[in-house]
Amino acid sequence: MVGIPEKNELAPGETTGITVAPQKGLSLADYTAVLTVSTDHDTQAQTELKFVVMADTNPPEGSITIPEQALQILSAMLQRVSRV
């Protein structure tokens, strides 16, 4: 994802910022991309972007609710396994 520049028009020597972020749902891997900025005066600048998608080491917090019937079935299955 490439965000909208903070400024659309710049004076000579002036700078602006832009946000670049990888897409959600990418596979674990190293990625590269080229960001190209061009003007209406046929000038452009390029830079290579590199990032790594790694496994989430902070699993989300929260809880799940298991229906009573599912708990009863699980309990019965565990009792059968423990008798064997």
PDB file of N, CA and C in Angstrom:
ATOM      1  N   MET A   1       0.840  -1.170   0.000  1.00  0.00           N
ATOM      2  CA  MET A   1       0.000   0.000   0.000  1.00  0.00           C
ATOM      3  C   MET A   1       0.888   1.237   0.000  1.00  0.00           C
ATOM      4  N   VAL A   2       0.589   2.154  -0.842  1.00  0.00           N
ATOM      5  CA  VAL A   2       1.310   3.421  -0.888  1.00  0.00           C
ATOM      6  C   VAL A   2       0.326   4.515  -0.514  1.00  0.00           C
ATOM      7  N   GLY A   3       0.684   5.289   0.495  1.00  0.00           N
ATOM      8  CA  GLY A   3      -0.187   6.358   0.950  1.00  0.00           C
ATOM      9  C   GLY A   3      -0.102   7.584   0.068  1.00  0.00           C
ATOM     10  N   ILE A   4      -0.910   8.533   0.381  1.00  0.00           N
ATOM     11  CA  ILE A   4      -0.936   9.801  -0.358  1.00  0.00           C
ATOM     12  C   ILE A   4       0.165  10.701   0.208  1.00  0.00           C
ATOM     13  N   PRO A   5       0.959  11.332  -0.653  1.00  0.00           N
ATOM     14  CA  PRO A   5       2.014  12.229  -0.151  1.00  0.00           C
ATOM     15  C   PRO A   5       1.423  13.335   0.714  1.00  0.00           C
ATOM     16  N   GLU A   6       2.225  13.792   1.681  1.00  0.00           N
ATOM     17  CA  GLU A   6       1.781  14.882   2.548  1.00  0.00           C
ATOM     18  C   GLU A   6       1.512  16.150   1.739  1.00  0.00           C
ATOM     19  N   LYS A   7       2.290  16.361   0.676  1.00  0.00           N
ATOM     20  CA  LYS A   7       2.110  17.517  -0.216  1.00  0.00           C
ATOM     21  C   LYS A   7       2.122  17.016  -1.648  1.00  0.00           C
ATOM     22  N   ASN A   8       1.276  17.572  -2.486  1.00  0.00           N
ATOM     23  CA  ASN A   8       1.246  17.202  -3.900  1.00  0.00           C
ATOM     24  C   ASN A   8       2.130  18.088  -4.758  1.00  0.00           C
ATOM     25  N   GLU A   9       2.417  19.298  -4.277  1.00  0.00           N
ATOM     26  CA  GLU A   9       3.282  20.216  -5.019  1.00  0.00           C
ATOM     27  C   GLU A   9       4.428  20.638  -4.119  1.00  0.00           C
ATOM     28  N   LEU A  10       5.639  20.625  -4.681  1.00  0.00           N
ATOM     29  CA  LEU A  10       6.823  20.982  -3.913  1.00  0.00           C
ATOM     30  C   LEU A  10       7.616  22.067  -4.619  1.00  0.00           C
ATOM     31  N   ALA A  11       8.164  22.953  -3.838  1.00  0.00           N
ATOM     32  CA  ALA A  11       9.077  23.962  -4.377  1.00  0.00           C
ATOM     33  C   ALA A  11      10.447  23.298  -4.543  1.00  0.00           C
ATOM     34  N   PRO A  12      11.316  23.844  -5.385  1.00  0.00           N
ATOM     35  CA  PRO A  12      12.654  23.272  -5.537  1.00  0.00           C
ATOM     36  C   PRO A  12      13.346  23.125  -4.178  1.00  0.00           C
ATOM     37  N   GLY A  13      13.886  21.920  -3.905  1.00  0.00           N
ATOM     38  CA  GLY A  13      14.573  21.654  -2.648  1.00  0.00           C
ATOM     39  C   GLY A  13      13.655  21.255  -1.493  1.00  0.00           C
ATOM     40  N   GLU A  14      12.369  21.383  -1.677  1.00  0.00           N
ATOM     41  CA  GLU A  14      11.415  21.033  -0.616  1.00  0.00           C
ATOM     42  C   GLU A  14      11.201  19.515  -0.612  1.00  0.00           C
ATOM     43  N   THR A  15      10.864  18.960   0.540  1.00  0.00           N
ATOM     44  CA  THR A  15      10.632  17.520   0.663  1.00  0.00           C
ATOM     45  C   THR A  15       9.230  17.246   1.178  1.00  0.00           C
ATOM     46  N   THR A  16       8.828  16.000   1.076  1.00  0.00           N
ATOM     47  CA  THR A  16       7.543  15.565   1.610  1.00  0.00           C
ATOM     48  C   THR A  16       7.691  14.131   2.086  1.00  0.00           C
ATOM     49  N   GLY A  17       6.717  13.629   2.767  1.00  0.00           N
ATOM     50  CA  GLY A  17       6.744  12.253   3.251  1.00  0.00           C
ATOM     51  C   GLY A  17       5.651  11.423   2.597  1.00  0.00           C
ATOM     52  N   ILE A  18       5.883  10.121   2.571  1.00  0.00           N
ATOM     53  CA  ILE A  18       4.903   9.195   2.017  1.00  0.00           C
ATOM     54  C   ILE A  18       5.002   7.894   2.821  1.00  0.00           C
ATOM     55  N   THR A  19       3.889   7.238   3.012  1.00  0.00           N
ATOM     56  CA  THR A  19       3.864   5.982   3.762  1.00  0.00           C
ATOM     57  C   THR A  19       3.740   4.815   2.803  1.00  0.00           C
ATOM     58  N   VAL A  20       4.592   3.817   2.999  1.00  0.00           N
ATOM     59  CA  VAL A  20       4.549   2.603   2.197  1.00  0.00           C
ATOM     60  C   VAL A  20       4.450   1.434   3.171  1.00  0.00           C
ATOM     61  N   ALA A  21       3.475   0.539   2.949  1.00  0.00           N
ATOM     62  CA  ALA A  21       3.298  -0.618   3.828  1.00  0.00           C
ATOM     63  C   ALA A  21       2.973  -1.846   2.992  1.00  0.00           C
ATOM     64  N   PRO A  22       3.445  -3.015   3.410  1.00  0.00           N
ATOM     65  CA  PRO A  22       3.131  -4.245   2.665  1.00  0.00           C
ATOM     66  C   PRO A  22       1.649  -4.590   2.786  1.00  0.00           C
ATOM     67  N   GLN A  23       1.162  -5.338   1.815  1.00  0.00           N
ATOM     68  CA  GLN A  23      -0.225  -5.792   1.838  1.00  0.00           C
ATOM     69  C   GLN A  23      -0.417  -6.769   2.988  1.00  0.00           C
ATOM     70  N   LYS A  24      -1.605  -6.816   3.536  1.00  0.00           N
ATOM     71  CA  LYS A  24      -1.915  -7.800   4.571  1.00  0.00           C
ATOM     72  C   LYS A  24      -2.069  -9.166   3.932  1.00  0.00           C
ATOM     73  N   GLY A  25      -1.729 -10.201   4.685  1.00  0.00           N
ATOM     74  CA  GLY A  25      -1.928 -11.565   4.222  1.00  0.00           C
ATOM     75  C   GLY A  25      -0.812 -12.135   3.378  1.00  0.00           C
ATOM     76  N   LEU A  26       0.333 -11.453   3.307  1.00  0.00           N
ATOM     77  CA  LEU A  26       1.457 -11.979   2.524  1.00  0.00           C
ATOM     78  C   LEU A  26       2.065 -13.195   3.211  1.00  0.00           C
ATOM     79  N   SER A  27       2.603 -14.104   2.434  1.00  0.00           N
ATOM     80  CA  SER A  27       3.297 -15.269   2.960  1.00  0.00           C
ATOM     81  C   SER A  27       4.600 -14.844   3.627  1.00  0.00           C
ATOM     82  N   LEU A  28       5.091 -15.677   4.552  1.00  0.00           N
ATOM     83  CA  LEU A  28       6.364 -15.401   5.206  1.00  0.00           C
ATOM     84  C   LEU A  28       7.461 -15.462   4.155  1.00  0.00           C
ATOM     85  N   ALA A  29       8.167 -14.351   3.962  1.00  0.00           N
ATOM     86  CA  ALA A  29       9.214 -14.286   2.934  1.00  0.00           C
ATOM     87  C   ALA A  29       9.884 -12.916   2.967  1.00  0.00           C
ATOM     88  N   ASP A  30      10.967 -12.787   2.181  1.00  0.00           N
ATOM     89  CA  ASP A  30      11.614 -11.498   1.942  1.00  0.00           C
ATOM     90  C   ASP A  30      11.018 -10.918   0.666  1.00  0.00           C
ATOM     91  N   TYR A  31      10.729  -9.632   0.667  1.00  0.00           N
ATOM     92  CA  TYR A  31      10.121  -8.981  -0.489  1.00  0.00           C
ATOM     93  C   TYR A  31      10.920  -7.748  -0.876  1.00  0.00           C
ATOM     94  N   THR A  32      10.908  -7.426  -2.166  1.00  0.00           N
ATOM     95  CA  THR A  32      11.474  -6.182  -2.667  1.00  0.00           C
ATOM     96  C   THR A  32      10.472  -5.550  -3.622  1.00  0.00           C
ATOM     97  N   ALA A  33      10.546  -4.245  -3.720  1.00  0.00           N
ATOM     98  CA  ALA A  33       9.683  -3.509  -4.645  1.00  0.00           C
ATOM     99  C   ALA A  33      10.428  -2.240  -5.040  1.00  0.00           C
ATOM    100  N   VAL A  34       9.976  -1.597  -6.076  1.00  0.00           N
ATOM    101  CA  VAL A  34      10.559  -0.330  -6.509  1.00  0.00           C
ATOM    102  C   VAL A  34       9.478   0.736  -6.414  1.00  0.00           C
ATOM    103  N   LEU A  35       9.780   1.796  -5.687  1.00  0.00           N
ATOM    104  CA  LEU A  35       8.881   2.946  -5.584  1.00  0.00           C
ATOM    105  C   LEU A  35       9.372   3.989  -6.571  1.00  0.00           C
ATOM    106  N   THR A  36       8.494   4.389  -7.479  1.00  0.00           N
ATOM    107  CA  THR A  36       8.832   5.401  -8.481  1.00  0.00           C
ATOM    108  C   THR A  36       7.957   6.624  -8.256  1.00  0.00           C
ATOM    109  N   VAL A  37       8.591   7.768  -8.163  1.00  0.00           N
ATOM    110  CA  VAL A  37       7.883   9.043  -8.032  1.00  0.00           C
ATOM    111  C   VAL A  37       8.179   9.829  -9.289  1.00  0.00           C
ATOM    112  N   SER A  38       7.118  10.257  -9.968  1.00  0.00           N
ATOM    113  CA  SER A  38       7.323  11.010 -11.210  1.00  0.00           C
ATOM    114  C   SER A  38       6.572  12.333 -11.157  1.00  0.00           C
ATOM    115  N   THR A  39       6.986  13.228 -12.029  1.00  0.00           N
ATOM    116  CA  THR A  39       6.369  14.557 -12.077  1.00  0.00           C
ATOM    117  C   THR A  39       5.718  14.764 -13.441  1.00  0.00           C
ATOM    118  N   ASP A  40       4.992  15.846 -13.551  1.00  0.00           N
ATOM    119  CA  ASP A  40       4.397  16.183 -14.841  1.00  0.00           C
ATOM    120  C   ASP A  40       5.408  16.869 -15.766  1.00  0.00           C
ATOM    121  N   HIS A  41       6.685  16.935 -15.331  1.00  0.00           N
ATOM    122  CA  HIS A  41       7.758  17.504 -16.152  1.00  0.00           C
ATOM    123  C   HIS A  41       8.710  16.419 -16.647  1.00  0.00           C
ATOM    124  N   ASP A  42       8.225  15.183 -16.705  1.00  0.00           N
ATOM    125  CA  ASP A  42       9.000  14.039 -17.198  1.00  0.00           C
ATOM    126  C   ASP A  42      10.270  13.748 -16.400  1.00  0.00           C
ATOM    127  N   THR A  43      10.239  14.042 -15.109  1.00  0.00           N
ATOM    128  CA  THR A  43      11.336  13.627 -14.236  1.00  0.00           C
ATOM    129  C   THR A  43      10.796  12.577 -13.271  1.00  0.00           C
ATOM    130  N   GLN A  44      11.706  11.696 -12.855  1.00  0.00           N
ATOM    131  CA  GLN A  44      11.294  10.683 -11.897  1.00  0.00           C
ATOM    132  C   GLN A  44      12.461  10.258 -11.036  1.00  0.00           C
ATOM    133  N   ALA A  45      12.112   9.709  -9.888  1.00  0.00           N
ATOM    134  CA  ALA A  45      13.122   9.165  -8.980  1.00  0.00           C
ATOM    135  C   ALA A  45      12.624   7.804  -8.524  1.00  0.00           C
ATOM    136  N   GLN A  46      13.569   6.883  -8.328  1.00  0.00           N
ATOM    137  CA  GLN A  46      13.211   5.535  -7.894  1.00  0.00           C
ATOM    138  C   GLN A  46      14.034   5.157  -6.679  1.00  0.00           C
ATOM    139  N   THR A  47      13.451   4.318  -5.854  1.00  0.00           N
ATOM    140  CA  THR A  47      14.180   3.739  -4.738  1.00  0.00           C
ATOM    141  C   THR A  47      13.674   2.317  -4.523  1.00  0.00           C
ATOM    142  N   GLU A  48      14.583   1.446  -4.109  1.00  0.00           N
ATOM    143  CA  GLU A  48      14.204   0.064  -3.863  1.00  0.00           C
ATOM    144  C   GLU A  48      13.736  -0.071  -2.415  1.00  0.00           C
ATOM    145  N   LEU A  49      12.646  -0.781  -2.232  1.00  0.00           N
ATOM    146  CA  LEU A  49      12.098  -1.039  -0.906  1.00  0.00           C
ATOM    147  C   LEU A  49      12.302  -2.511  -0.590  1.00  0.00           C
ATOM    148  N   LYS A  50      12.703  -2.820   0.630  1.00  0.00           N
ATOM    149  CA  LYS A  50      12.882  -4.205   1.054  1.00  0.00           C
ATOM    150  C   LYS A  50      12.192  -4.383   2.401  1.00  0.00           C
ATOM    151  N   PHE A  51      11.506  -5.517   2.556  1.00  0.00           N
ATOM    152  CA  PHE A  51      10.917  -5.831   3.849  1.00  0.00           C
ATOM    153  C   PHE A  51      10.774  -7.337   3.983  1.00  0.00           C
ATOM    154  N   VAL A  52      10.639  -7.773   5.234  1.00  0.00           N
ATOM    155  CA  VAL A  52      10.535  -9.195   5.552  1.00  0.00           C
ATOM    156  C   VAL A  52       9.230  -9.424   6.303  1.00  0.00           C
ATOM    157  N   VAL A  53       8.451 -10.408   5.868  1.00  0.00           N
ATOM    158  CA  VAL A  53       7.243 -10.804   6.588  1.00  0.00           C
ATOM    159  C   VAL A  53       7.638 -11.984   7.465  1.00  0.00           C
ATOM    160  N   MET A  54       7.504 -11.798   8.794  1.00  0.00           N
ATOM    161  CA  MET A  54       7.879 -12.825   9.757  1.00  0.00           C
ATOM    162  C   MET A  54       6.646 -13.311  10.512  1.00  0.00           C
ATOM    163  N   ALA A  55       6.797 -14.435  11.178  1.00  0.00           N
ATOM    164  CA  ALA A  55       5.702 -14.990  11.970  1.00  0.00           C
ATOM    165  C   ALA A  55       5.363 -14.045  13.116  1.00  0.00           C
ATOM    166  N   ASP A  56       4.102 -13.995  13.476  1.00  0.00           N
ATOM    167  CA  ASP A  56       3.637 -13.164  14.576  1.00  0.00           C
ATOM    168  C   ASP A  56       4.079 -13.806  15.883  1.00  0.00           C
ATOM    169  N   THR A  57       4.922 -13.112  16.635  1.00  0.00           N
ATOM    170  CA  THR A  57       5.393 -13.654  17.904  1.00  0.00           C
ATOM    171  C   THR A  57       4.522 -13.217  19.072  1.00  0.00           C
ATOM    172  N   ASN A  58       3.542 -12.382  18.805  1.00  0.00           N
ATOM    173  CA  ASN A  58       2.602 -11.940  19.834  1.00  0.00           C
ATOM    174  C   ASN A  58       1.191 -12.344  19.429  1.00  0.00           C
ATOM    175  N   PRO A  59       0.775 -13.560  19.793  1.00  0.00           N
ATOM    176  CA  PRO A  59      -0.560 -13.989  19.385  1.00  0.00           C
ATOM    177  C   PRO A  59      -1.628 -13.080  20.002  1.00  0.00           C
ATOM    178  N   PRO A  60      -2.741 -12.964  19.323  1.00  0.00           N
ATOM    179  CA  PRO A  60      -3.793 -12.082  19.834  1.00  0.00           C
ATOM    180  C   PRO A  60      -4.328 -12.584  21.173  1.00  0.00           C
ATOM    181  N   GLU A  61      -4.720 -11.639  22.012  1.00  0.00           N
ATOM    182  CA  GLU A  61      -5.305 -11.993  23.297  1.00  0.00           C
ATOM    183  C   GLU A  61      -6.810 -12.147  23.123  1.00  0.00           C
ATOM    184  N   GLY A  62      -7.406 -12.908  24.014  1.00  0.00           N
ATOM    185  CA  GLY A  62      -8.852 -13.074  23.964  1.00  0.00           C
ATOM    186  C   GLY A  62      -9.239 -14.479  24.361  1.00  0.00           C
ATOM    187  N   SER A  63     -10.465 -14.785  24.143  1.00  0.00           N
ATOM    188  CA  SER A  63     -10.957 -16.109  24.503  1.00  0.00           C
ATOM    189  C   SER A  63     -11.967 -16.570  23.460  1.00  0.00           C
ATOM    190  N   ILE A  64     -12.254 -17.849  23.503  1.00  0.00           N
ATOM    191  CA  ILE A  64     -13.284 -18.395  22.630  1.00  0.00           C
ATOM    192  C   ILE A  64     -14.353 -19.027  23.504  1.00  0.00           C
ATOM    193  N   THR A  65     -15.530 -19.123  22.995  1.00  0.00           N
ATOM    194  CA  THR A  65     -16.629 -19.757  23.708  1.00  0.00           C
ATOM    195  C   THR A  65     -16.950 -21.072  23.030  1.00  0.00           C
ATOM    196  N   ILE A  66     -16.911 -22.141  23.811  1.00  0.00           N
ATOM    197  CA  ILE A  66     -17.228 -23.468  23.290  1.00  0.00           C
ATOM    198  C   ILE A  66     -18.624 -23.830  23.779  1.00  0.00           C
ATOM    199  N   PRO A  67     -19.526 -24.170  22.873  1.00  0.00           N
ATOM    200  CA  PRO A  67     -20.888 -24.512  23.276  1.00  0.00           C
ATOM    201  C   PRO A  67     -20.890 -25.705  24.233  1.00  0.00           C
ATOM    202  N   GLU A  68     -21.840 -25.726  25.154  1.00  0.00           N
ATOM    203  CA  GLU A  68     -21.951 -26.786  26.154  1.00  0.00           C
ATOM    204  C   GLU A  68     -22.000 -28.168  25.520  1.00  0.00           C
ATOM    205  N   GLN A  69     -22.736 -28.324  24.440  1.00  0.00           N
ATOM    206  CA  GLN A  69     -22.849 -29.619  23.782  1.00  0.00           C
ATOM    207  C   GLN A  69     -21.474 -30.104  23.286  1.00  0.00           C
ATOM    208  N   ALA A  70     -20.671 -29.194  22.750  1.00  0.00           N
ATOM    209  CA  ALA A  70     -19.335 -29.564  22.277  1.00  0.00           C
ATOM    210  C   ALA A  70     -18.459 -29.996  23.443  1.00  0.00           C
ATOM    211  N   LEU A  71     -18.579 -29.329  24.590  1.00  0.00           N
ATOM    212  CA  LEU A  71     -17.809 -29.716  25.774  1.00  0.00           C
ATOM    213  C   LEU A  71     -18.203 -31.115  26.248  1.00  0.00           C
ATOM    214  N   GLN A  72     -19.491 -31.420  26.216  1.00  0.00           N
ATOM    215  CA  GLN A  72     -19.956 -32.746  26.623  1.00  0.00           C
ATOM    216  C   GLN A  72     -19.408 -33.827  25.701  1.00  0.00           C
ATOM    217  N   ILE A  73     -19.423 -33.572  24.417  1.00  0.00           N
ATOM    218  CA  ILE A  73     -18.896 -34.547  23.445  1.00  0.00           C
ATOM    219  C   ILE A  73     -17.399 -34.736  23.666  1.00  0.00           C
ATOM    220  N   LEU A  74     -16.673 -33.649  23.856  1.00  0.00           N
ATOM    221  CA  LEU A  74     -15.233 -33.735  24.097  1.00  0.00           C
ATOM    222  C   LEU A  74     -14.936 -34.507  25.376  1.00  0.00           C
ATOM    223  N   SER A  75     -15.692 -34.230  26.414  1.00  0.00           N
ATOM    224  CA  SER A  75     -15.509 -34.934  27.682  1.00  0.00           C
ATOM    225  C   SER A  75     -15.741 -36.427  27.518  1.00  0.00           C
ATOM    226  N   ALA A  76     -16.798 -36.811  26.812  1.00  0.00           N
ATOM    227  CA  ALA A  76     -17.098 -38.227  26.581  1.00  0.00           C
ATOM    228  C   ALA A  76     -15.983 -38.889  25.783  1.00  0.00           C
ATOM    229  N   MET A  77     -15.445 -38.187  24.788  1.00  0.00           N
ATOM    230  CA  MET A  77     -14.360 -38.746  23.980  1.00  0.00           C
ATOM    231  C   MET A  77     -13.113 -38.962  24.835  1.00  0.00           C
ATOM    232  N   LEU A  78     -12.798 -38.010  25.694  1.00  0.00           N
ATOM    233  CA  LEU A  78     -11.625 -38.128  26.548  1.00  0.00           C
ATOM    234  C   LEU A  78     -11.780 -39.271  27.547  1.00  0.00           C
ATOM    235  N   GLN A  79     -12.984 -39.468  28.042  1.00  0.00           N
ATOM    236  CA  GLN A  79     -13.220 -40.568  28.979  1.00  0.00           C
ATOM    237  C   GLN A  79     -12.999 -41.912  28.286  1.00  0.00           C
ATOM    238  N   ARG A  80     -13.464 -42.030  27.038  1.00  0.00           N
ATOM    239  CA  ARG A  80     -13.256 -43.278  26.282  1.00  0.00           C
ATOM    240  C   ARG A  80     -11.778 -43.539  26.054  1.00  0.00           C
ATOM    241  N   VAL A  81     -11.017 -42.486  25.742  1.00  0.00           N
ATOM    242  CA  VAL A  81      -9.585 -42.645  25.479  1.00  0.00           C
ATOM    243  C   VAL A  81      -8.870 -43.053  26.758  1.00  0.00           C
ATOM    244  N   SER A  82      -9.244 -42.484  27.898  1.00  0.00           N
ATOM    245  CA  SER A  82      -8.558 -42.803  29.145  1.00  0.00           C
ATOM    246  C   SER A  82      -8.851 -44.228  29.624  1.00  0.00           C
ATOM    247  N   ARG A  83      -9.944 -44.838  29.166  1.00  0.00           N
ATOM    248  CA  ARG A  83     -10.276 -46.213  29.536  1.00  0.00           C
ATOM    249  C   ARG A  83      -9.472 -47.221  28.749  1.00  0.00           C
ATOM    250  N   VAL A  84      -8.960 -46.810  27.580  1.00  0.00           N
ATOM    251  CA  VAL A  84      -8.252 -47.746  26.706  1.00  0.00           C
ATOM    252  C   VAL A  84      -6.867 -48.034  27.189  1.00  0.00           C
TER     253      VAL A  84
END
